[in-house]
Amino acid sequence: MSKVLFNEKANKDLIEIVSGLMTWKVYNFDREQAIKYKDSIVAAARKLETKKRHTKCSYERHLLYGSYVYKYNRNKMTTWYIIYNIDEINHYILIEKIMSNHQTDR
């Protein structure tokens, strides 16, 4: 069983990522491409359970959602910030929010 859990907001973020990619005016992803893109973000988040060190959030916007951040560089233009908390008692990682570098500064 995975020790990485996604809360309701993070799951909504993933759905919005797929939808956004499929309606993006610059490059429209088809459904299959958008789902593969989303799956790569999920795979990156799932790897958090194997990390020994976790990076604390420094952006104020990120701190609204969690204490830790993982930066997933999907390509040269886009970094995905996976914001999470750690349940030290039960040893779970709870993904709280997923946002791109295009959203962080807003």
PDB file of N, CA and C in Angstrom:
ATOM      1  N   MET A   1       0.845  -1.190   0.000  1.00  0.00           N
ATOM      2  CA  MET A   1       0.000   0.000   0.000  1.00  0.00           C
ATOM      3  C   MET A   1       0.888   1.250   0.000  1.00  0.00           C
ATOM      4  N   SER A   2       0.542   2.192  -0.849  1.00  0.00           N
ATOM      5  CA  SER A   2       1.308   3.425  -0.964  1.00  0.00           C
ATOM      6  C   SER A   2       1.157   4.270   0.291  1.00  0.00           C
ATOM      7  N   LYS A   3       2.218   4.912   0.657  1.00  0.00           N
ATOM      8  CA  LYS A   3       2.184   5.817   1.798  1.00  0.00           C
ATOM      9  C   LYS A   3       2.002   7.258   1.352  1.00  0.00           C
ATOM     10  N   VAL A   4       1.654   7.451   0.089  1.00  0.00           N
ATOM     11  CA  VAL A   4       1.381   8.780  -0.445  1.00  0.00           C
ATOM     12  C   VAL A   4      -0.110   8.862  -0.750  1.00  0.00           C
ATOM     13  N   LEU A   5      -0.769   9.808  -0.113  1.00  0.00           N
ATOM     14  CA  LEU A   5      -2.206   9.996  -0.301  1.00  0.00           C
ATOM     15  C   LEU A   5      -2.461  11.374  -0.894  1.00  0.00           C
ATOM     16  N   PHE A   6      -3.509  11.477  -1.697  1.00  0.00           N
ATOM     17  CA  PHE A   6      -3.899  12.751  -2.314  1.00  0.00           C
ATOM     18  C   PHE A   6      -5.206  13.197  -1.669  1.00  0.00           C
ATOM     19  N   ASN A   7      -5.232  14.422  -1.142  1.00  0.00           N
ATOM     20  CA  ASN A   7      -6.486  14.906  -0.570  1.00  0.00           C
ATOM     21  C   ASN A   7      -7.436  15.324  -1.700  1.00  0.00           C
ATOM     22  N   GLU A   8      -8.627  15.714  -1.327  1.00  0.00           N
ATOM     23  CA  GLU A   8      -9.656  16.072  -2.311  1.00  0.00           C
ATOM     24  C   GLU A   8      -9.209  17.224  -3.211  1.00  0.00           C
ATOM     25  N   LYS A   9      -8.557  18.226  -2.633  1.00  0.00           N
ATOM     26  CA  LYS A   9      -8.103  19.381  -3.410  1.00  0.00           C
ATOM     27  C   LYS A   9      -7.049  18.965  -4.434  1.00  0.00           C
ATOM     28  N   ALA A  10      -6.111  18.129  -4.029  1.00  0.00           N
ATOM     29  CA  ALA A  10      -5.064  17.674  -4.955  1.00  0.00           C
ATOM     30  C   ALA A  10      -5.665  16.846  -6.088  1.00  0.00           C
ATOM     31  N   ASN A  11      -6.646  16.015  -5.767  1.00  0.00           N
ATOM     32  CA  ASN A  11      -7.324  15.246  -6.829  1.00  0.00           C
ATOM     33  C   ASN A  11      -8.054  16.181  -7.790  1.00  0.00           C
ATOM     34  N   LYS A  12      -8.653  17.232  -7.252  1.00  0.00           N
ATOM     35  CA  LYS A  12      -9.324  18.224  -8.107  1.00  0.00           C
ATOM     36  C   LYS A  12      -8.291  18.927  -8.986  1.00  0.00           C
ATOM     37  N   ASP A  13      -7.136  19.241  -8.415  1.00  0.00           N
ATOM     38  CA  ASP A  13      -6.068  19.864  -9.203  1.00  0.00           C
ATOM     39  C   ASP A  13      -5.679  18.988 -10.384  1.00  0.00           C
ATOM     40  N   LEU A  14      -5.572  17.675 -10.174  1.00  0.00           N
ATOM     41  CA  LEU A  14      -5.203  16.751 -11.250  1.00  0.00           C
ATOM     42  C   LEU A  14      -6.261  16.735 -12.355  1.00  0.00           C
ATOM     43  N   ILE A  15      -7.520  16.762 -11.966  1.00  0.00           N
ATOM     44  CA  ILE A  15      -8.606  16.801 -12.950  1.00  0.00           C
ATOM     45  C   ILE A  15      -8.524  18.101 -13.754  1.00  0.00           C
ATOM     46  N   GLU A  16      -8.267  19.208 -13.063  1.00  0.00           N
ATOM     47  CA  GLU A  16      -8.161  20.504 -13.739  1.00  0.00           C
ATOM     48  C   GLU A  16      -6.944  20.561 -14.665  1.00  0.00           C
ATOM     49  N   ILE A  17      -5.872  19.869 -14.309  1.00  0.00           N
ATOM     50  CA  ILE A  17      -4.690  19.817 -15.176  1.00  0.00           C
ATOM     51  C   ILE A  17      -5.049  19.136 -16.490  1.00  0.00           C
ATOM     52  N   VAL A  18      -5.729  17.992 -16.396  1.00  0.00           N
ATOM     53  CA  VAL A  18      -6.137  17.273 -17.614  1.00  0.00           C
ATOM     54  C   VAL A  18      -7.048  18.152 -18.462  1.00  0.00           C
ATOM     55  N   SER A  19      -8.038  18.749 -17.840  1.00  0.00           N
ATOM     56  CA  SER A  19      -8.972  19.612 -18.566  1.00  0.00           C
ATOM     57  C   SER A  19      -8.257  20.798 -19.196  1.00  0.00           C
ATOM     58  N   GLY A  20      -7.371  21.421 -18.443  1.00  0.00           N
ATOM     59  CA  GLY A  20      -6.641  22.577 -18.946  1.00  0.00           C
ATOM     60  C   GLY A  20      -5.761  22.234 -20.142  1.00  0.00           C
ATOM     61  N   LEU A  21      -5.101  21.092 -20.079  1.00  0.00           N
ATOM     62  CA  LEU A  21      -4.254  20.671 -21.196  1.00  0.00           C
ATOM     63  C   LEU A  21      -5.070  20.416 -22.461  1.00  0.00           C
ATOM     64  N   MET A  22      -6.278  19.891 -22.284  1.00  0.00           N
ATOM     65  CA  MET A  22      -7.121  19.570 -23.440  1.00  0.00           C
ATOM     66  C   MET A  22      -7.743  20.814 -24.069  1.00  0.00           C
ATOM     67  N   THR A  23      -7.775  21.922 -23.341  1.00  0.00           N
ATOM     68  CA  THR A  23      -8.390  23.146 -23.873  1.00  0.00           C
ATOM     69  C   THR A  23      -7.384  24.281 -24.049  1.00  0.00           C
ATOM     70  N   TRP A  24      -6.130  24.003 -23.825  1.00  0.00           N
ATOM     71  CA  TRP A  24      -5.068  25.000 -23.930  1.00  0.00           C
ATOM     72  C   TRP A  24      -4.956  25.486 -25.362  1.00  0.00           C
ATOM     73  N   LYS A  25      -4.976  26.788 -25.557  1.00  0.00           N
ATOM     74  CA  LYS A  25      -4.959  27.368 -26.909  1.00  0.00           C
ATOM     75  C   LYS A  25      -3.599  27.243 -27.592  1.00  0.00           C
ATOM     76  N   VAL A  26      -2.518  27.173 -26.829  1.00  0.00           N
ATOM     77  CA  VAL A  26      -1.180  27.088 -27.411  1.00  0.00           C
ATOM     78  C   VAL A  26      -0.953  25.717 -28.045  1.00  0.00           C
ATOM     79  N   TYR A  27      -1.321  24.673 -27.316  1.00  0.00           N
ATOM     80  CA  TYR A  27      -1.153  23.317 -27.828  1.00  0.00           C
ATOM     81  C   TYR A  27      -2.216  22.447 -27.190  1.00  0.00           C
ATOM     82  N   ASN A  28      -3.171  22.016 -27.960  1.00  0.00           N
ATOM     83  CA  ASN A  28      -4.238  21.172 -27.432  1.00  0.00           C
ATOM     84  C   ASN A  28      -3.766  19.732 -27.325  1.00  0.00           C
ATOM     85  N   PHE A  29      -3.737  19.227 -26.130  1.00  0.00           N
ATOM     86  CA  PHE A  29      -3.441  17.826 -25.896  1.00  0.00           C
ATOM     87  C   PHE A  29      -4.710  17.038 -26.172  1.00  0.00           C
ATOM     88  N   ASP A  30      -4.581  15.842 -26.748  1.00  0.00           N
ATOM     89  CA  ASP A  30      -5.769  14.993 -26.802  1.00  0.00           C
ATOM     90  C   ASP A  30      -5.913  14.341 -25.428  1.00  0.00           C
ATOM     91  N   ARG A  31      -7.021  13.671 -25.207  1.00  0.00           N
ATOM     92  CA  ARG A  31      -7.314  13.108 -23.885  1.00  0.00           C
ATOM     93  C   ARG A  31      -6.201  12.173 -23.401  1.00  0.00           C
ATOM     94  N   GLU A  32      -5.744  11.307 -24.284  1.00  0.00           N
ATOM     95  CA  GLU A  32      -4.710  10.334 -23.909  1.00  0.00           C
ATOM     96  C   GLU A  32      -3.407  11.044 -23.509  1.00  0.00           C
ATOM     97  N   GLN A  33      -2.996  12.049 -24.268  1.00  0.00           N
ATOM     98  CA  GLN A  33      -1.784  12.808 -23.943  1.00  0.00           C
ATOM     99  C   GLN A  33      -1.924  13.522 -22.596  1.00  0.00           C
ATOM    100  N   ALA A  34      -3.083  14.126 -22.379  1.00  0.00           N
ATOM    101  CA  ALA A  34      -3.322  14.857 -21.137  1.00  0.00           C
ATOM    102  C   ALA A  34      -3.287  13.916 -19.932  1.00  0.00           C
ATOM    103  N   ILE A  35      -3.862  12.735 -20.081  1.00  0.00           N
ATOM    104  CA  ILE A  35      -3.857  11.760 -18.979  1.00  0.00           C
ATOM    105  C   ILE A  35      -2.437  11.266 -18.714  1.00  0.00           C
ATOM    106  N   LYS A  36      -1.653  11.025 -19.750  1.00  0.00           N
ATOM    107  CA  LYS A  36      -0.258  10.609 -19.559  1.00  0.00           C
ATOM    108  C   LYS A  36       0.544  11.695 -18.845  1.00  0.00           C
ATOM    109  N   TYR A  37       0.299  12.944 -19.210  1.00  0.00           N
ATOM    110  CA  TYR A  37       0.971  14.077 -18.569  1.00  0.00           C
ATOM    111  C   TYR A  37       0.618  14.094 -17.080  1.00  0.00           C
ATOM    112  N   LYS A  38      -0.670  13.984 -16.779  1.00  0.00           N
ATOM    113  CA  LYS A  38      -1.131  13.956 -15.379  1.00  0.00           C
ATOM    114  C   LYS A  38      -0.516  12.777 -14.644  1.00  0.00           C
ATOM    115  N   ASP A  39      -0.463  11.619 -15.292  1.00  0.00           N
ATOM    116  CA  ASP A  39       0.112  10.426 -14.664  1.00  0.00           C
ATOM    117  C   ASP A  39       1.584  10.619 -14.319  1.00  0.00           C
ATOM    118  N   SER A  40       2.307  11.405 -15.122  1.00  0.00           N
ATOM    119  CA  SER A  40       3.716  11.658 -14.812  1.00  0.00           C
ATOM    120  C   SER A  40       3.848  12.502 -13.537  1.00  0.00           C
ATOM    121  N   ILE A  41       2.905  13.398 -13.317  1.00  0.00           N
ATOM    122  CA  ILE A  41       2.895  14.203 -12.083  1.00  0.00           C
ATOM    123  C   ILE A  41       2.594  13.306 -10.889  1.00  0.00           C
ATOM    124  N   VAL A  42       1.616  12.426 -11.045  1.00  0.00           N
ATOM    125  CA  VAL A  42       1.255  11.488  -9.970  1.00  0.00           C
ATOM    126  C   VAL A  42       2.447  10.586  -9.642  1.00  0.00           C
ATOM    127  N   ALA A  43       3.132  10.091 -10.666  1.00  0.00           N
ATOM    128  CA  ALA A  43       4.297   9.220 -10.451  1.00  0.00           C
ATOM    129  C   ALA A  43       5.387   9.958  -9.674  1.00  0.00           C
ATOM    130  N   ALA A  44       5.607  11.222 -10.010  1.00  0.00           N
ATOM    131  CA  ALA A  44       6.599  12.027  -9.287  1.00  0.00           C
ATOM    132  C   ALA A  44       6.197  12.167  -7.821  1.00  0.00           C
ATOM    133  N   ALA A  45       4.920  12.400  -7.571  1.00  0.00           N
ATOM    134  CA  ALA A  45       4.433  12.543  -6.191  1.00  0.00           C
ATOM    135  C   ALA A  45       4.577  11.234  -5.423  1.00  0.00           C
ATOM    136  N   ARG A  46       4.306  10.131  -6.054  1.00  0.00           N
ATOM    137  CA  ARG A  46       4.401   8.825  -5.383  1.00  0.00           C
ATOM    138  C   ARG A  46       5.829   8.498  -4.952  1.00  0.00           C
ATOM    139  N   LYS A  47       6.811   9.063  -5.627  1.00  0.00           N
ATOM    140  CA  LYS A  47       8.213   8.821  -5.274  1.00  0.00           C
ATOM    141  C   LYS A  47       8.615   9.511  -3.970  1.00  0.00           C
ATOM    142  N   LEU A  48       7.761  10.403  -3.479  1.00  0.00           N
ATOM    143  CA  LEU A  48       8.082  11.114  -2.241  1.00  0.00           C
ATOM    144  C   LEU A  48       8.267  10.175  -1.061  1.00  0.00           C
ATOM    145  N   GLU A  49       7.596   9.029  -1.083  1.00  0.00           N
ATOM    146  CA  GLU A  49       7.706   8.112   0.051  1.00  0.00           C
ATOM    147  C   GLU A  49       9.110   7.503   0.161  1.00  0.00           C
ATOM    148  N   THR A  50       9.908   7.598  -0.895  1.00  0.00           N
ATOM    149  CA  THR A  50      11.265   7.044  -0.853  1.00  0.00           C
ATOM    150  C   THR A  50      12.313   8.093  -0.518  1.00  0.00           C
ATOM    151  N   LYS A  51      11.903   9.364  -0.469  1.00  0.00           N
ATOM    152  CA  LYS A  51      12.857  10.440  -0.174  1.00  0.00           C
ATOM    153  C   LYS A  51      13.226  10.432   1.312  1.00  0.00           C
ATOM    154  N   LYS A  52      14.504  10.659   1.561  1.00  0.00           N
ATOM    155  CA  LYS A  52      14.993  10.745   2.947  1.00  0.00           C
ATOM    156  C   LYS A  52      14.927  12.185   3.465  1.00  0.00           C
ATOM    157  N   ARG A  53      15.063  13.153   2.550  1.00  0.00           N
ATOM    158  CA  ARG A  53      15.033  14.566   2.923  1.00  0.00           C
ATOM    159  C   ARG A  53      13.871  15.243   2.201  1.00  0.00           C
ATOM    160  N   HIS A  54      13.222  16.143   2.896  1.00  0.00           N
ATOM    161  CA  HIS A  54      12.092  16.864   2.324  1.00  0.00           C
ATOM    162  C   HIS A  54      12.369  18.363   2.416  1.00  0.00           C
ATOM    163  N   THR A  55      12.003  19.072   1.359  1.00  0.00           N
ATOM    164  CA  THR A  55      12.259  20.507   1.272  1.00  0.00           C
ATOM    165  C   THR A  55      11.081  21.292   1.828  1.00  0.00           C
ATOM    166  N   LYS A  56      11.371  22.178   2.762  1.00  0.00           N
ATOM    167  CA  LYS A  56      10.308  23.013   3.339  1.00  0.00           C
ATOM    168  C   LYS A  56       9.883  24.073   2.323  1.00  0.00           C
ATOM    169  N   CYS A  57       8.602  24.407   2.353  1.00  0.00           N
ATOM    170  CA  CYS A  57       8.070  25.456   1.481  1.00  0.00           C
ATOM    171  C   CYS A  57       8.694  26.796   1.848  1.00  0.00           C
ATOM    172  N   SER A  58       8.943  27.621   0.828  1.00  0.00           N
ATOM    173  CA  SER A  58       9.442  28.967   1.092  1.00  0.00           C
ATOM    174  C   SER A  58       8.508  30.039   0.527  1.00  0.00           C
ATOM    175  N   TYR A  59       7.770  29.724  -0.534  1.00  0.00           N
ATOM    176  CA  TYR A  59       6.818  30.688  -1.084  1.00  0.00           C
ATOM    177  C   TYR A  59       5.597  30.790  -0.169  1.00  0.00           C
ATOM    178  N   GLU A  60       5.158  32.025   0.068  1.00  0.00           N
ATOM    179  CA  GLU A  60       3.974  32.229   0.916  1.00  0.00           C
ATOM    180  C   GLU A  60       2.764  31.475   0.385  1.00  0.00           C
ATOM    181  N   ARG A  61       2.598  31.520  -0.922  1.00  0.00           N
ATOM    182  CA  ARG A  61       1.437  30.841  -1.526  1.00  0.00           C
ATOM    183  C   ARG A  61       1.470  29.341  -1.247  1.00  0.00           C
ATOM    184  N   HIS A  62       2.630  28.737  -1.298  1.00  0.00           N
ATOM    185  CA  HIS A  62       2.745  27.306  -1.017  1.00  0.00           C
ATOM    186  C   HIS A  62       2.434  27.004   0.447  1.00  0.00           C
ATOM    187  N   LEU A  63       2.871  27.882   1.332  1.00  0.00           N
ATOM    188  CA  LEU A  63       2.647  27.679   2.763  1.00  0.00           C
ATOM    189  C   LEU A  63       1.163  27.694   3.140  1.00  0.00           C
ATOM    190  N   LEU A  64       0.333  28.234   2.268  1.00  0.00           N
ATOM    191  CA  LEU A  64      -1.110  28.201   2.519  1.00  0.00           C
ATOM    192  C   LEU A  64      -1.646  26.764   2.504  1.00  0.00           C
ATOM    193  N   TYR A  65      -0.924  25.858   1.843  1.00  0.00           N
ATOM    194  CA  TYR A  65      -1.412  24.504   1.634  1.00  0.00           C
ATOM    195  C   TYR A  65      -0.641  23.428   2.382  1.00  0.00           C
ATOM    196  N   GLY A  66       0.634  23.646   2.627  1.00  0.00           N
ATOM    197  CA  GLY A  66       1.405  22.598   3.275  1.00  0.00           C
ATOM    198  C   GLY A  66       2.765  23.090   3.740  1.00  0.00           C
ATOM    199  N   SER A  67       3.511  22.187   4.340  1.00  0.00           N
ATOM    200  CA  SER A  67       4.817  22.523   4.904  1.00  0.00           C
ATOM    201  C   SER A  67       5.983  22.182   3.988  1.00  0.00           C
ATOM    202  N   TYR A  68       5.761  21.250   3.059  1.00  0.00           N
ATOM    203  CA  TYR A  68       6.845  20.766   2.210  1.00  0.00           C
ATOM    204  C   TYR A  68       6.474  20.898   0.734  1.00  0.00           C
ATOM    205  N   VAL A  69       7.511  20.976  -0.098  1.00  0.00           N
ATOM    206  CA  VAL A  69       7.283  21.104  -1.539  1.00  0.00           C
ATOM    207  C   VAL A  69       8.271  20.222  -2.285  1.00  0.00           C
ATOM    208  N   TYR A  70       7.782  19.627  -3.346  1.00  0.00           N
ATOM    209  CA  TYR A  70       8.640  18.884  -4.267  1.00  0.00           C
ATOM    210  C   TYR A  70       8.485  19.535  -5.627  1.00  0.00           C
ATOM    211  N   LYS A  71       9.601  19.891  -6.246  1.00  0.00           N
ATOM    212  CA  LYS A  71       9.562  20.523  -7.565  1.00  0.00           C
ATOM    213  C   LYS A  71       9.785  19.455  -8.630  1.00  0.00           C
ATOM    214  N   TYR A  72       8.781  19.294  -9.482  1.00  0.00           N
ATOM    215  CA  TYR A  72       8.852  18.345 -10.591  1.00  0.00           C
ATOM    216  C   TYR A  72       8.972  19.145 -11.879  1.00  0.00           C
ATOM    217  N   ASN A  73      10.145  19.081 -12.501  1.00  0.00           N
ATOM    218  CA  ASN A  73      10.387  19.805 -13.753  1.00  0.00           C
ATOM    219  C   ASN A  73       9.903  18.945 -14.914  1.00  0.00           C
ATOM    220  N   ARG A  74       8.742  19.268 -15.421  1.00  0.00           N
ATOM    221  CA  ARG A  74       8.125  18.492 -16.499  1.00  0.00           C
ATOM    222  C   ARG A  74       8.800  18.784 -17.838  1.00  0.00           C
ATOM    223  N   ASN A  75       9.198  20.032 -18.030  1.00  0.00           N
ATOM    224  CA  ASN A  75       9.903  20.446 -19.245  1.00  0.00           C
ATOM    225  C   ASN A  75      10.624  21.762 -18.946  1.00  0.00           C
ATOM    226  N   LYS A  76      11.226  22.371 -19.960  1.00  0.00           N
ATOM    227  CA  LYS A  76      11.991  23.607 -19.758  1.00  0.00           C
ATOM    228  C   LYS A  76      11.132  24.769 -19.266  1.00  0.00           C
ATOM    229  N   MET A  77       9.861  24.756 -19.614  1.00  0.00           N
ATOM    230  CA  MET A  77       8.982  25.880 -19.312  1.00  0.00           C
ATOM    231  C   MET A  77       8.149  25.698 -18.041  1.00  0.00           C
ATOM    232  N   THR A  78       7.929  24.453 -17.643  1.00  0.00           N
ATOM    233  CA  THR A  78       6.962  24.207 -16.570  1.00  0.00           C
ATOM    234  C   THR A  78       7.545  23.363 -15.439  1.00  0.00           C
ATOM    235  N   THR A  79       7.418  23.905 -14.255  1.00  0.00           N
ATOM    236  CA  THR A  79       7.741  23.177 -13.032  1.00  0.00           C
ATOM    237  C   THR A  79       6.438  22.995 -12.266  1.00  0.00           C
ATOM    238  N   TRP A  80       6.192  21.792 -11.822  1.00  0.00           N
ATOM    239  CA  TRP A  80       5.022  21.511 -10.989  1.00  0.00           C
ATOM    240  C   TRP A  80       5.471  21.452  -9.546  1.00  0.00           C
ATOM    241  N   TYR A  81       4.768  22.185  -8.696  1.00  0.00           N
ATOM    242  CA  TYR A  81       5.030  22.179  -7.267  1.00  0.00           C
ATOM    243  C   TYR A  81       4.014  21.255  -6.612  1.00  0.00           C
ATOM    244  N   ILE A  82       4.515  20.208  -6.007  1.00  0.00           N
ATOM    245  CA  ILE A  82       3.667  19.258  -5.286  1.00  0.00           C
ATOM    246  C   ILE A  82       3.829  19.608  -3.806  1.00  0.00           C
ATOM    247  N   ILE A  83       2.778  20.144  -3.233  1.00  0.00           N
ATOM    248  CA  ILE A  83       2.831  20.657  -1.865  1.00  0.00           C
ATOM    249  C   ILE A  83       2.185  19.623  -0.946  1.00  0.00           C
ATOM    250  N   TYR A  84       2.863  19.334   0.154  1.00  0.00           N
ATOM    251  CA  TYR A  84       2.395  18.231   0.990  1.00  0.00           C
ATOM    252  C   TYR A  84       2.755  18.425   2.453  1.00  0.00           C
ATOM    253  N   ASN A  85       2.156  17.589   3.270  1.00  0.00           N
ATOM    254  CA  ASN A  85       2.469  17.497   4.688  1.00  0.00           C
ATOM    255  C   ASN A  85       2.856  16.055   4.981  1.00  0.00           C
ATOM    256  N   ILE A  86       3.531  15.867   6.088  1.00  0.00           N
ATOM    257  CA  ILE A  86       3.940  14.527   6.505  1.00  0.00           C
ATOM    258  C   ILE A  86       3.259  14.200   7.821  1.00  0.00           C
ATOM    259  N   ASP A  87       2.594  13.065   7.866  1.00  0.00           N
ATOM    260  CA  ASP A  87       2.001  12.555   9.100  1.00  0.00           C
ATOM    261  C   ASP A  87       3.082  11.701   9.762  1.00  0.00           C
ATOM    262  N   GLU A  88       3.757  12.288  10.725  1.00  0.00           N
ATOM    263  CA  GLU A  88       4.884  11.617  11.382  1.00  0.00           C
ATOM    264  C   GLU A  88       4.446  10.394  12.192  1.00  0.00           C
ATOM    265  N   ILE A  89       3.233  10.407  12.698  1.00  0.00           N
ATOM    266  CA  ILE A  89       2.747   9.298  13.523  1.00  0.00           C
ATOM    267  C   ILE A  89       2.468   8.068  12.667  1.00  0.00           C
ATOM    268  N   ASN A  90       1.718   8.267  11.586  1.00  0.00           N
ATOM    269  CA  ASN A  90       1.337   7.138  10.730  1.00  0.00           C
ATOM    270  C   ASN A  90       2.256   6.958   9.525  1.00  0.00           C
ATOM    271  N   HIS A  91       3.219   7.856   9.380  1.00  0.00           N
ATOM    272  CA  HIS A  91       4.212   7.787   8.301  1.00  0.00           C
ATOM    273  C   HIS A  91       3.578   7.842   6.909  1.00  0.00           C
ATOM    274  N   TYR A  92       2.655   8.782   6.747  1.00  0.00           N
ATOM    275  CA  TYR A  92       2.026   9.024   5.451  1.00  0.00           C
ATOM    276  C   TYR A  92       2.425  10.391   4.944  1.00  0.00           C
ATOM    277  N   ILE A  93       2.444  10.507   3.636  1.00  0.00           N
ATOM    278  CA  ILE A  93       2.627  11.803   2.987  1.00  0.00           C
ATOM    279  C   ILE A  93       1.285  12.164   2.383  1.00  0.00           C
ATOM    280  N   LEU A  94       0.765  13.332   2.739  1.00  0.00           N
ATOM    281  CA  LEU A  94      -0.517  13.781   2.228  1.00  0.00           C
ATOM    282  C   LEU A  94      -0.288  14.924   1.246  1.00  0.00           C
ATOM    283  N   ILE A  95      -0.577  14.657  -0.028  1.00  0.00           N
ATOM    284  CA  ILE A  95      -0.462  15.683  -1.060  1.00  0.00           C
ATOM    285  C   ILE A  95      -1.643  16.623  -0.884  1.00  0.00           C
ATOM    286  N   GLU A  96      -1.337  17.906  -0.681  1.00  0.00           N
ATOM    287  CA  GLU A  96      -2.363  18.901  -0.381  1.00  0.00           C
ATOM    288  C   GLU A  96      -2.743  19.753  -1.591  1.00  0.00           C
ATOM    289  N   LYS A  97      -1.767  20.020  -2.471  1.00  0.00           N
ATOM    290  CA  LYS A  97      -1.999  20.936  -3.586  1.00  0.00           C
ATOM    291  C   LYS A  97      -0.963  20.676  -4.665  1.00  0.00           C
ATOM    292  N   ILE A  98      -1.383  20.822  -5.919  1.00  0.00           N
ATOM    293  CA  ILE A  98      -0.464  20.714  -7.048  1.00  0.00           C
ATOM    294  C   ILE A  98      -0.661  21.964  -7.892  1.00  0.00           C
ATOM    295  N   MET A  99       0.429  22.704  -8.105  1.00  0.00           N
ATOM    296  CA  MET A  99       0.330  23.926  -8.896  1.00  0.00           C
ATOM    297  C   MET A  99       1.598  24.084  -9.727  1.00  0.00           C
ATOM    298  N   SER A 100       1.479  24.806 -10.815  1.00  0.00           N
ATOM    299  CA  SER A 100       2.648  25.017 -11.679  1.00  0.00           C
ATOM    300  C   SER A 100       3.324  26.338 -11.336  1.00  0.00           C
ATOM    301  N   ASN A 101       4.521  26.522 -11.887  1.00  0.00           N
ATOM    302  CA  ASN A 101       5.225  27.791 -11.707  1.00  0.00           C
ATOM    303  C   ASN A 101       4.418  28.943 -12.309  1.00  0.00           C
ATOM    304  N   HIS A 102       3.515  28.663 -13.217  1.00  0.00           N
ATOM    305  CA  HIS A 102       2.677  29.712 -13.814  1.00  0.00           C
ATOM    306  C   HIS A 102       1.627  30.196 -12.827  1.00  0.00           C
ATOM    307  N   GLN A 103       1.344  29.414 -11.775  1.00  0.00           N
ATOM    308  CA  GLN A 103       0.340  29.787 -10.773  1.00  0.00           C
ATOM    309  C   GLN A 103       0.971  30.336  -9.496  1.00  0.00           C
ATOM    310  N   THR A 104       2.198  29.988  -9.216  1.00  0.00           N
ATOM    311  CA  THR A 104       2.823  30.312  -7.948  1.00  0.00           C
ATOM    312  C   THR A 104       2.918  31.812  -7.702  1.00  0.00           C
ATOM    313  N   ASP A 105       3.202  32.574  -8.726  1.00  0.00           N
ATOM    314  CA  ASP A 105       3.384  34.008  -8.540  1.00  0.00           C
ATOM    315  C   ASP A 105       2.081  34.794  -8.485  1.00  0.00           C
ATOM    316  N   ARG A 106       0.966  34.155  -8.753  1.00  0.00           N
ATOM    317  CA  ARG A 106      -0.318  34.872  -8.743  1.00  0.00           C
ATOM    318  C   ARG A 106      -0.823  35.093  -7.353  1.00  0.00           C
TER     319      ARG A 106
END
